[in-house]
Amino acid sequence: MAALANYNNHQAEFLEYVVRPLFKRYFVFTTDAFKEDVLKTAAVNLKAWRAAASVGGAGAGAGAGAGAGAGAGRGLQAGPPPPAGSVTSGVGLARNC
């Protein structure tokens, strides 16, 4: 469990200290609607990763049964699936470019 909590914490830190700062630089090339959508999605994901790290597992709460078996057959995947409540699809983001 400690390894999974550590993984979740690293995901949260990567989002907070690498992804968000890069997107903030990128926003000069996008619309305000896109910026708001990305920041909202990032906030939801960061909250979900932090919550998963604090309880020591991915997908804490609703969807907790979607552990290792749920990730099978999804192609390349590093680590366990994202925690429940996170936004995993970027499909809706491109509409605001």
PDB file of N, CA and C in Angstrom:
ATOM      1  N   MET A   1       0.809  -1.195   0.000  1.00  0.00           N
ATOM      2  CA  MET A   1       0.000   0.000   0.000  1.00  0.00           C
ATOM      3  C   MET A   1       0.856   1.264   0.000  1.00  0.00           C
ATOM      4  N   ALA A   2       1.971   1.238   0.701  1.00  0.00           N
ATOM      5  CA  ALA A   2       2.824   2.421   0.758  1.00  0.00           C
ATOM      6  C   ALA A   2       3.354   2.782  -0.630  1.00  0.00           C
ATOM      7  N   ALA A   3       3.674   1.785  -1.419  1.00  0.00           N
ATOM      8  CA  ALA A   3       4.176   2.047  -2.768  1.00  0.00           C
ATOM      9  C   ALA A   3       3.103   2.701  -3.627  1.00  0.00           C
ATOM     10  N   LEU A   4       1.867   2.258  -3.479  1.00  0.00           N
ATOM     11  CA  LEU A   4       0.773   2.844  -4.250  1.00  0.00           C
ATOM     12  C   LEU A   4       0.502   4.284  -3.814  1.00  0.00           C
ATOM     13  N   ALA A   5       0.550   4.532  -2.512  1.00  0.00           N
ATOM     14  CA  ALA A   5       0.370   5.901  -2.011  1.00  0.00           C
ATOM     15  C   ALA A   5       1.491   6.798  -2.526  1.00  0.00           C
ATOM     16  N   ASN A   6       2.700   6.274  -2.570  1.00  0.00           N
ATOM     17  CA  ASN A   6       3.840   7.017  -3.078  1.00  0.00           C
ATOM     18  C   ASN A   6       3.664   7.337  -4.562  1.00  0.00           C
ATOM     19  N   TYR A   7       3.196   6.346  -5.319  1.00  0.00           N
ATOM     20  CA  TYR A   7       2.927   6.550  -6.750  1.00  0.00           C
ATOM     21  C   TYR A   7       1.882   7.652  -6.944  1.00  0.00           C
ATOM     22  N   ASN A   8       0.795   7.584  -6.193  1.00  0.00           N
ATOM     23  CA  ASN A   8      -0.267   8.583  -6.303  1.00  0.00           C
ATOM     24  C   ASN A   8       0.252   9.969  -5.950  1.00  0.00           C
ATOM     25  N   ASN A   9       1.097  10.049  -4.933  1.00  0.00           N
ATOM     26  CA  ASN A   9       1.672  11.330  -4.539  1.00  0.00           C
ATOM     27  C   ASN A   9       2.579  11.877  -5.641  1.00  0.00           C
ATOM     28  N   HIS A  10       3.357  11.006  -6.262  1.00  0.00           N
ATOM     29  CA  HIS A  10       4.219  11.444  -7.366  1.00  0.00           C
ATOM     30  C   HIS A  10       3.387  11.944  -8.549  1.00  0.00           C
ATOM     31  N   GLN A  11       2.279  11.279  -8.827  1.00  0.00           N
ATOM     32  CA  GLN A  11       1.398  11.731  -9.911  1.00  0.00           C
ATOM     33  C   GLN A  11       0.868  13.136  -9.608  1.00  0.00           C
ATOM     34  N   ALA A  12       0.447  13.350  -8.375  1.00  0.00           N
ATOM     35  CA  ALA A  12      -0.067  14.660  -7.972  1.00  0.00           C
ATOM     36  C   ALA A  12       1.019  15.726  -8.097  1.00  0.00           C
ATOM     37  N   GLU A  13       2.221  15.415  -7.638  1.00  0.00           N
ATOM     38  CA  GLU A  13       3.316  16.374  -7.718  1.00  0.00           C
ATOM     39  C   GLU A  13       3.708  16.662  -9.159  1.00  0.00           C
ATOM     40  N   PHE A  14       3.718  15.650 -10.013  1.00  0.00           N
ATOM     41  CA  PHE A  14       4.021  15.865 -11.430  1.00  0.00           C
ATOM     42  C   PHE A  14       3.002  16.804 -12.054  1.00  0.00           C
ATOM     43  N   LEU A  15       1.735  16.575 -11.745  1.00  0.00           N
ATOM     44  CA  LEU A  15       0.674  17.447 -12.265  1.00  0.00           C
ATOM     45  C   LEU A  15       0.846  18.866 -11.751  1.00  0.00           C
ATOM     46  N   GLU A  16       1.125  18.991 -10.475  1.00  0.00           N
ATOM     47  CA  GLU A  16       1.217  20.313  -9.849  1.00  0.00           C
ATOM     48  C   GLU A  16       2.455  21.099 -10.263  1.00  0.00           C
ATOM     49  N   TYR A  17       3.613  20.425 -10.333  1.00  0.00           N
ATOM     50  CA  TYR A  17       4.875  21.134 -10.547  1.00  0.00           C
ATOM     51  C   TYR A  17       5.434  21.066 -11.958  1.00  0.00           C
ATOM     52  N   VAL A  18       4.883  20.200 -12.815  1.00  0.00           N
ATOM     53  CA  VAL A  18       5.371  20.107 -14.193  1.00  0.00           C
ATOM     54  C   VAL A  18       4.264  20.457 -15.187  1.00  0.00           C
ATOM     55  N   VAL A  19       3.148  19.742 -15.111  1.00  0.00           N
ATOM     56  CA  VAL A  19       2.092  19.907 -16.116  1.00  0.00           C
ATOM     57  C   VAL A  19       1.437  21.287 -16.038  1.00  0.00           C
ATOM     58  N   ARG A  20       0.978  21.671 -14.865  1.00  0.00           N
ATOM     59  CA  ARG A  20       0.293  22.967 -14.744  1.00  0.00           C
ATOM     60  C   ARG A  20       1.185  24.142 -15.133  1.00  0.00           C
ATOM     61  N   PRO A  21       2.444  24.213 -14.684  1.00  0.00           N
ATOM     62  CA  PRO A  21       3.289  25.327 -15.129  1.00  0.00           C
ATOM     63  C   PRO A  21       3.507  25.354 -16.645  1.00  0.00           C
ATOM     64  N   LEU A  22       3.656  24.180 -17.269  1.00  0.00           N
ATOM     65  CA  LEU A  22       3.808  24.146 -18.726  1.00  0.00           C
ATOM     66  C   LEU A  22       2.559  24.661 -19.418  1.00  0.00           C
ATOM     67  N   PHE A  23       1.387  24.231 -18.937  1.00  0.00           N
ATOM     68  CA  PHE A  23       0.154  24.704 -19.551  1.00  0.00           C
ATOM     69  C   PHE A  23      -0.033  26.203 -19.342  1.00  0.00           C
ATOM     70  N   LYS A  24       0.387  26.716 -18.199  1.00  0.00           N
ATOM     71  CA  LYS A  24       0.248  28.156 -17.967  1.00  0.00           C
ATOM     72  C   LYS A  24       1.062  28.952 -18.974  1.00  0.00           C
ATOM     73  N   ARG A  25       2.211  28.430 -19.387  1.00  0.00           N
ATOM     74  CA  ARG A  25       3.008  29.078 -20.444  1.00  0.00           C
ATOM     75  C   ARG A  25       2.318  28.939 -21.805  1.00  0.00           C
ATOM     76  N   TYR A  26       1.695  27.797 -22.024  1.00  0.00           N
ATOM     77  CA  TYR A  26       1.036  27.484 -23.298  1.00  0.00           C
ATOM     78  C   TYR A  26      -0.229  28.316 -23.500  1.00  0.00           C
ATOM     79  N   PHE A  27      -0.851  28.764 -22.428  1.00  0.00           N
ATOM     80  CA  PHE A  27      -2.147  29.442 -22.521  1.00  0.00           C
ATOM     81  C   PHE A  27      -2.111  30.732 -23.332  1.00  0.00           C
ATOM     82  N   VAL A  28      -0.955  31.310 -23.553  1.00  0.00           N
ATOM     83  CA  VAL A  28      -0.893  32.526 -24.367  1.00  0.00           C
ATOM     84  C   VAL A  28      -1.335  32.243 -25.805  1.00  0.00           C
ATOM     85  N   PHE A  29      -1.334  30.970 -26.191  1.00  0.00           N
ATOM     86  CA  PHE A  29      -1.718  30.581 -27.550  1.00  0.00           C
ATOM     87  C   PHE A  29      -3.147  30.041 -27.633  1.00  0.00           C
ATOM     88  N   THR A  30      -3.895  30.110 -26.557  1.00  0.00           N
ATOM     89  CA  THR A  30      -5.231  29.509 -26.532  1.00  0.00           C
ATOM     90  C   THR A  30      -6.293  30.543 -26.162  1.00  0.00           C
ATOM     91  N   THR A  31      -7.529  30.096 -26.222  1.00  0.00           N
ATOM     92  CA  THR A  31      -8.648  30.954 -25.819  1.00  0.00           C
ATOM     93  C   THR A  31      -8.830  30.896 -24.307  1.00  0.00           C
ATOM     94  N   ASP A  32      -9.549  31.863 -23.784  1.00  0.00           N
ATOM     95  CA  ASP A  32      -9.838  31.868 -22.349  1.00  0.00           C
ATOM     96  C   ASP A  32     -10.677  30.659 -21.954  1.00  0.00           C
ATOM     97  N   ALA A  33     -11.597  30.254 -22.830  1.00  0.00           N
ATOM     98  CA  ALA A  33     -12.450  29.093 -22.531  1.00  0.00           C
ATOM     99  C   ALA A  33     -11.602  27.827 -22.394  1.00  0.00           C
ATOM    100  N   PHE A  34     -10.612  27.668 -23.282  1.00  0.00           N
ATOM    101  CA  PHE A  34      -9.722  26.510 -23.194  1.00  0.00           C
ATOM    102  C   PHE A  34      -8.929  26.546 -21.899  1.00  0.00           C
ATOM    103  N   LYS A  35      -8.405  27.719 -21.564  1.00  0.00           N
ATOM    104  CA  LYS A  35      -7.631  27.879 -20.330  1.00  0.00           C
ATOM    105  C   LYS A  35      -8.461  27.490 -19.109  1.00  0.00           C
ATOM    106  N   GLU A  36      -9.673  27.984 -19.030  1.00  0.00           N
ATOM    107  CA  GLU A  36     -10.552  27.664 -17.905  1.00  0.00           C
ATOM    108  C   GLU A  36     -10.848  26.166 -17.835  1.00  0.00           C
ATOM    109  N   ASP A  37     -11.104  25.559 -18.988  1.00  0.00           N
ATOM    110  CA  ASP A  37     -11.406  24.126 -19.035  1.00  0.00           C
ATOM    111  C   ASP A  37     -10.221  23.292 -18.554  1.00  0.00           C
ATOM    112  N   VAL A  38      -9.023  23.629 -19.018  1.00  0.00           N
ATOM    113  CA  VAL A  38      -7.830  22.877 -18.631  1.00  0.00           C
ATOM    114  C   VAL A  38      -7.534  23.054 -17.144  1.00  0.00           C
ATOM    115  N   LEU A  39      -7.629  24.282 -16.650  1.00  0.00           N
ATOM    116  CA  LEU A  39      -7.349  24.511 -15.229  1.00  0.00           C
ATOM    117  C   LEU A  39      -8.382  23.823 -14.335  1.00  0.00           C
ATOM    118  N   LYS A  40      -9.632  23.799 -14.780  1.00  0.00           N
ATOM    119  CA  LYS A  40     -10.670  23.106 -14.012  1.00  0.00           C
ATOM    120  C   LYS A  40     -10.394  21.604 -13.985  1.00  0.00           C
ATOM    121  N   THR A  41     -10.039  21.050 -15.136  1.00  0.00           N
ATOM    122  CA  THR A  41      -9.723  19.621 -15.222  1.00  0.00           C
ATOM    123  C   THR A  41      -8.497  19.286 -14.370  1.00  0.00           C
ATOM    124  N   ALA A  42      -7.486  20.123 -14.437  1.00  0.00           N
ATOM    125  CA  ALA A  42      -6.280  19.895 -13.643  1.00  0.00           C
ATOM    126  C   ALA A  42      -6.590  19.939 -12.148  1.00  0.00           C
ATOM    127  N   ALA A  43      -7.449  20.851 -11.730  1.00  0.00           N
ATOM    128  CA  ALA A  43      -7.814  20.948 -10.318  1.00  0.00           C
ATOM    129  C   ALA A  43      -8.553  19.695  -9.853  1.00  0.00           C
ATOM    130  N   VAL A  44      -9.463  19.190 -10.691  1.00  0.00           N
ATOM    131  CA  VAL A  44     -10.199  17.964 -10.360  1.00  0.00           C
ATOM    132  C   VAL A  44      -9.228  16.792 -10.246  1.00  0.00           C
ATOM    133  N   ASN A  45      -8.328  16.677 -11.209  1.00  0.00           N
ATOM    134  CA  ASN A  45      -7.367  15.574 -11.195  1.00  0.00           C
ATOM    135  C   ASN A  45      -6.403  15.668 -10.017  1.00  0.00           C
ATOM    136  N   LEU A  46      -5.927  16.868  -9.721  1.00  0.00           N
ATOM    137  CA  LEU A  46      -5.011  17.039  -8.601  1.00  0.00           C
ATOM    138  C   LEU A  46      -5.689  16.649  -7.291  1.00  0.00           C
ATOM    139  N   LYS A  47      -6.928  17.062  -7.124  1.00  0.00           N
ATOM    140  CA  LYS A  47      -7.680  16.708  -5.911  1.00  0.00           C
ATOM    141  C   LYS A  47      -7.847  15.185  -5.808  1.00  0.00           C
ATOM    142  N   ALA A  48      -8.150  14.533  -6.925  1.00  0.00           N
ATOM    143  CA  ALA A  48      -8.336  13.081  -6.925  1.00  0.00           C
ATOM    144  C   ALA A  48      -7.035  12.353  -6.605  1.00  0.00           C
ATOM    145  N   TRP A  49      -5.900  12.796  -7.197  1.00  0.00           N
ATOM    146  CA  TRP A  49      -4.614  12.152  -6.918  1.00  0.00           C
ATOM    147  C   TRP A  49      -4.213  12.363  -5.469  1.00  0.00           C
ATOM    148  N   ARG A  50      -4.438  13.569  -4.940  1.00  0.00           N
ATOM    149  CA  ARG A  50      -4.100  13.844  -3.532  1.00  0.00           C
ATOM    150  C   ARG A  50      -4.943  12.969  -2.596  1.00  0.00           C
ATOM    151  N   ALA A  51      -6.234  12.836  -2.911  1.00  0.00           N
ATOM    152  CA  ALA A  51      -7.112  12.000  -2.091  1.00  0.00           C
ATOM    153  C   ALA A  51      -6.670  10.543  -2.140  1.00  0.00           C
ATOM    154  N   ALA A  52      -6.306  10.058  -3.320  1.00  0.00           N
ATOM    155  CA  ALA A  52      -5.853   8.678  -3.464  1.00  0.00           C
ATOM    156  C   ALA A  52      -4.548   8.468  -2.695  1.00  0.00           C
ATOM    157  N   ALA A  53      -3.658   9.456  -2.719  1.00  0.00           N
ATOM    158  CA  ALA A  53      -2.388   9.333  -1.996  1.00  0.00           C
ATOM    159  C   ALA A  53      -2.609   9.325  -0.493  1.00  0.00           C
ATOM    160  N   SER A  54      -3.602  10.066  -0.026  1.00  0.00           N
ATOM    161  CA  SER A  54      -3.817  10.158   1.418  1.00  0.00           C
ATOM    162  C   SER A  54      -4.411   8.884   2.004  1.00  0.00           C
ATOM    163  N   VAL A  55      -5.127   8.096   1.179  1.00  0.00           N
ATOM    164  CA  VAL A  55      -5.701   6.845   1.682  1.00  0.00           C
ATOM    165  C   VAL A  55      -4.873   5.635   1.270  1.00  0.00           C
ATOM    166  N   GLY A  56      -3.833   5.867   0.479  1.00  0.00           N
ATOM    167  CA  GLY A  56      -2.929   4.782   0.129  1.00  0.00           C
ATOM    168  C   GLY A  56      -3.365   3.905  -1.014  1.00  0.00           C
ATOM    169  N   GLY A  57      -4.325   4.337  -1.805  1.00  0.00           N
ATOM    170  CA  GLY A  57      -4.739   3.504  -2.923  1.00  0.00           C
ATOM    171  C   GLY A  57      -5.290   4.326  -4.059  1.00  0.00           C
ATOM    172  N   ALA A  58      -5.266   3.765  -5.250  1.00  0.00           N
ATOM    173  CA  ALA A  58      -5.846   4.427  -6.411  1.00  0.00           C
ATOM    174  C   ALA A  58      -7.333   4.172  -6.427  1.00  0.00           C
ATOM    175  N   GLY A  59      -8.074   5.150  -6.815  1.00  0.00           N
ATOM    176  CA  GLY A  59      -9.506   4.973  -6.960  1.00  0.00           C
ATOM    177  C   GLY A  59     -10.222   4.840  -5.639  1.00  0.00           C
ATOM    178  N   ALA A  60      -9.766   5.517  -4.628  1.00  0.00           N
ATOM    179  CA  ALA A  60     -10.431   5.436  -3.328  1.00  0.00           C
ATOM    180  C   ALA A  60     -11.854   5.935  -3.442  1.00  0.00           C
ATOM    181  N   GLY A  61     -12.733   5.321  -2.719  1.00  0.00           N
ATOM    182  CA  GLY A  61     -14.138   5.718  -2.777  1.00  0.00           C
ATOM    183  C   GLY A  61     -14.833   5.019  -3.919  1.00  0.00           C
ATOM    184  N   ALA A  62     -15.671   5.742  -4.625  1.00  0.00           N
ATOM    185  CA  ALA A  62     -16.409   5.153  -5.738  1.00  0.00           C
ATOM    186  C   ALA A  62     -15.437   4.630  -6.781  1.00  0.00           C
ATOM    187  N   GLY A  63     -15.666   3.454  -7.239  1.00  0.00           N
ATOM    188  CA  GLY A  63     -14.819   2.865  -8.261  1.00  0.00           C
ATOM    189  C   GLY A  63     -13.583   2.191  -7.710  1.00  0.00           C
ATOM    190  N   ALA A  64     -13.510   2.001  -6.421  1.00  0.00           N
ATOM    191  CA  ALA A  64     -12.310   1.402  -5.840  1.00  0.00           C
ATOM    192  C   ALA A  64     -12.093  -0.026  -6.330  1.00  0.00           C
ATOM    193  N   GLY A  65     -13.140  -0.687  -6.777  1.00  0.00           N
ATOM    194  CA  GLY A  65     -13.000  -2.037  -7.287  1.00  0.00           C
ATOM    195  C   GLY A  65     -12.393  -2.089  -8.666  1.00  0.00           C
ATOM    196  N   ALA A  66     -12.147  -0.953  -9.262  1.00  0.00           N
ATOM    197  CA  ALA A  66     -11.612  -0.899 -10.616  1.00  0.00           C
ATOM    198  C   ALA A  66     -10.103  -0.894 -10.604  1.00  0.00           C
ATOM    199  N   GLY A  67      -9.493  -1.680  -9.762  1.00  0.00           N
ATOM    200  CA  GLY A  67      -8.048  -1.707  -9.606  1.00  0.00           C
ATOM    201  C   GLY A  67      -7.321  -2.308 -10.773  1.00  0.00           C
ATOM    202  N   ALA A  68      -6.466  -3.280 -10.516  1.00  0.00           N
ATOM    203  CA  ALA A  68      -5.558  -3.815 -11.517  1.00  0.00           C
ATOM    204  C   ALA A  68      -6.260  -4.408 -12.723  1.00  0.00           C
ATOM    205  N   GLY A  69      -7.359  -5.104 -12.523  1.00  0.00           N
ATOM    206  CA  GLY A  69      -8.036  -5.743 -13.639  1.00  0.00           C
ATOM    207  C   GLY A  69      -8.607  -4.769 -14.638  1.00  0.00           C
ATOM    208  N   ALA A  70      -8.994  -3.596 -14.188  1.00  0.00           N
ATOM    209  CA  ALA A  70      -9.604  -2.622 -15.081  1.00  0.00           C
ATOM    210  C   ALA A  70      -8.610  -2.056 -16.072  1.00  0.00           C
ATOM    211  N   GLY A  71      -7.322  -2.050 -15.728  1.00  0.00           N
ATOM    212  CA  GLY A  71      -6.327  -1.481 -16.617  1.00  0.00           C
ATOM    213  C   GLY A  71      -5.886  -2.435 -17.712  1.00  0.00           C
ATOM    214  N   ALA A  72      -6.228  -3.698 -17.595  1.00  0.00           N
ATOM    215  CA  ALA A  72      -5.789  -4.684 -18.576  1.00  0.00           C
ATOM    216  C   ALA A  72      -6.364  -4.372 -19.945  1.00  0.00           C
ATOM    217  N   GLY A  73      -5.536  -4.445 -20.962  1.00  0.00           N
ATOM    218  CA  GLY A  73      -5.990  -4.253 -22.324  1.00  0.00           C
ATOM    219  C   GLY A  73      -6.142  -2.802 -22.726  1.00  0.00           C
ATOM    220  N   ARG A  74      -5.635  -1.850 -21.954  1.00  0.00           N
ATOM    221  CA  ARG A  74      -5.755  -0.445 -22.326  1.00  0.00           C
ATOM    222  C   ARG A  74      -4.490   0.069 -22.992  1.00  0.00           C
ATOM    223  N   GLY A  75      -3.681  -0.791 -23.495  1.00  0.00           N
ATOM    224  CA  GLY A  75      -2.468  -0.351 -24.160  1.00  0.00           C
ATOM    225  C   GLY A  75      -1.400   0.019 -23.150  1.00  0.00           C
ATOM    226  N   LEU A  76      -0.524   0.943 -23.523  1.00  0.00           N
ATOM    227  CA  LEU A  76       0.554   1.356 -22.640  1.00  0.00           C
ATOM    228  C   LEU A  76      -0.020   2.082 -21.438  1.00  0.00           C
ATOM    229  N   GLN A  77       0.400   1.660 -20.287  1.00  0.00           N
ATOM    230  CA  GLN A  77      -0.087   2.291 -19.067  1.00  0.00           C
ATOM    231  C   GLN A  77       0.985   2.154 -18.005  1.00  0.00           C
ATOM    232  N   ALA A  78       1.426   3.264 -17.474  1.00  0.00           N
ATOM    233  CA  ALA A  78       2.426   3.236 -16.417  1.00  0.00           C
ATOM    234  C   ALA A  78       1.725   3.312 -15.081  1.00  0.00           C
ATOM    235  N   GLY A  79       1.821   2.265 -14.319  1.00  0.00           N
ATOM    236  CA  GLY A  79       1.233   2.272 -12.989  1.00  0.00           C
ATOM    237  C   GLY A  79      -0.239   1.939 -12.996  1.00  0.00           C
ATOM    238  N   PRO A  80      -0.864   2.096 -11.839  1.00  0.00           N
ATOM    239  CA  PRO A  80      -2.281   1.772 -11.699  1.00  0.00           C
ATOM    240  C   PRO A  80      -3.152   2.788 -12.424  1.00  0.00           C
ATOM    241  N   PRO A  81      -4.434   2.474 -12.601  1.00  0.00           N
ATOM    242  CA  PRO A  81      -5.327   3.417 -13.279  1.00  0.00           C
ATOM    243  C   PRO A  81      -5.519   4.670 -12.440  1.00  0.00           C
ATOM    244  N   PRO A  82      -5.951   5.775 -13.072  1.00  0.00           N
ATOM    245  CA  PRO A  82      -6.176   7.017 -12.342  1.00  0.00           C
ATOM    246  C   PRO A  82      -7.226   6.830 -11.253  1.00  0.00           C
ATOM    247  N   PRO A  83      -7.173   7.656 -10.219  1.00  0.00           N
ATOM    248  CA  PRO A  83      -8.144   7.536  -9.137  1.00  0.00           C
ATOM    249  C   PRO A  83      -9.543   7.902  -9.594  1.00  0.00           C
ATOM    250  N   ALA A  84     -10.528   7.355  -8.904  1.00  0.00           N
ATOM    251  CA  ALA A  84     -11.918   7.688  -9.193  1.00  0.00           C
ATOM    252  C   ALA A  84     -12.107   9.183  -9.014  1.00  0.00           C
ATOM    253  N   GLY A  85     -12.883   9.776  -9.887  1.00  0.00           N
ATOM    254  CA  GLY A  85     -13.145  11.203  -9.810  1.00  0.00           C
ATOM    255  C   GLY A  85     -12.227  12.037 -10.666  1.00  0.00           C
ATOM    256  N   SER A  86     -11.146  11.449 -11.192  1.00  0.00           N
ATOM    257  CA  SER A  86     -10.271  12.230 -12.051  1.00  0.00           C
ATOM    258  C   SER A  86     -10.826  12.232 -13.469  1.00  0.00           C
ATOM    259  N   VAL A  87     -10.421  13.225 -14.228  1.00  0.00           N
ATOM    260  CA  VAL A  87     -10.853  13.347 -15.615  1.00  0.00           C
ATOM    261  C   VAL A  87      -9.740  12.771 -16.464  1.00  0.00           C
ATOM    262  N   THR A  88     -10.022  11.680 -17.162  1.00  0.00           N
ATOM    263  CA  THR A  88      -8.957  10.980 -17.881  1.00  0.00           C
ATOM    264  C   THR A  88      -8.991  11.199 -19.389  1.00  0.00           C
ATOM    265  N   SER A  89      -9.977  11.874 -19.900  1.00  0.00           N
ATOM    266  CA  SER A  89     -10.063  12.051 -21.339  1.00  0.00           C
ATOM    267  C   SER A  89      -9.828  13.501 -21.710  1.00  0.00           C
ATOM    268  N   GLY A  90      -8.959  13.728 -22.693  1.00  0.00           N
ATOM    269  CA  GLY A  90      -8.699  15.074 -23.171  1.00  0.00           C
ATOM    270  C   GLY A  90      -9.551  15.434 -24.367  1.00  0.00           C
ATOM    271  N   VAL A  91     -10.510  14.600 -24.734  1.00  0.00           N
ATOM    272  CA  VAL A  91     -11.312  14.808 -25.926  1.00  0.00           C
ATOM    273  C   VAL A  91     -12.024  16.153 -25.880  1.00  0.00           C
ATOM    274  N   GLY A  92     -12.616  16.492 -24.753  1.00  0.00           N
ATOM    275  CA  GLY A  92     -13.380  17.732 -24.649  1.00  0.00           C
ATOM    276  C   GLY A  92     -12.521  18.973 -24.647  1.00  0.00           C
ATOM    277  N   LEU A  93     -11.223  18.855 -24.399  1.00  0.00           N
ATOM    278  CA  LEU A  93     -10.380  20.033 -24.305  1.00  0.00           C
ATOM    279  C   LEU A  93     -10.124  20.674 -25.651  1.00  0.00           C
ATOM    280  N   ALA A  94      -9.991  19.898 -26.697  1.00  0.00           N
ATOM    281  CA  ALA A  94      -9.651  20.439 -28.007  1.00  0.00           C
ATOM    282  C   ALA A  94     -10.744  21.320 -28.591  1.00  0.00           C
ATOM    283  N   ARG A  95     -11.955  21.173 -28.139  1.00  0.00           N
ATOM    284  CA  ARG A  95     -13.064  21.937 -28.728  1.00  0.00           C
ATOM    285  C   ARG A  95     -12.934  23.439 -28.490  1.00  0.00           C
ATOM    286  N   ASN A  96     -12.150  23.833 -27.494  1.00  0.00           N
ATOM    287  CA  ASN A  96     -12.040  25.246 -27.163  1.00  0.00           C
ATOM    288  C   ASN A  96     -10.812  25.927 -27.765  1.00  0.00           C
ATOM    289  N   CYS A  97     -10.052  25.218 -28.576  1.00  0.00           N
ATOM    290  CA  CYS A  97      -8.838  25.810 -29.164  1.00  0.00           C
ATOM    291  C   CYS A  97      -9.189  26.865 -30.191  1.00  0.00           C
TER     292      CYS A  97
END
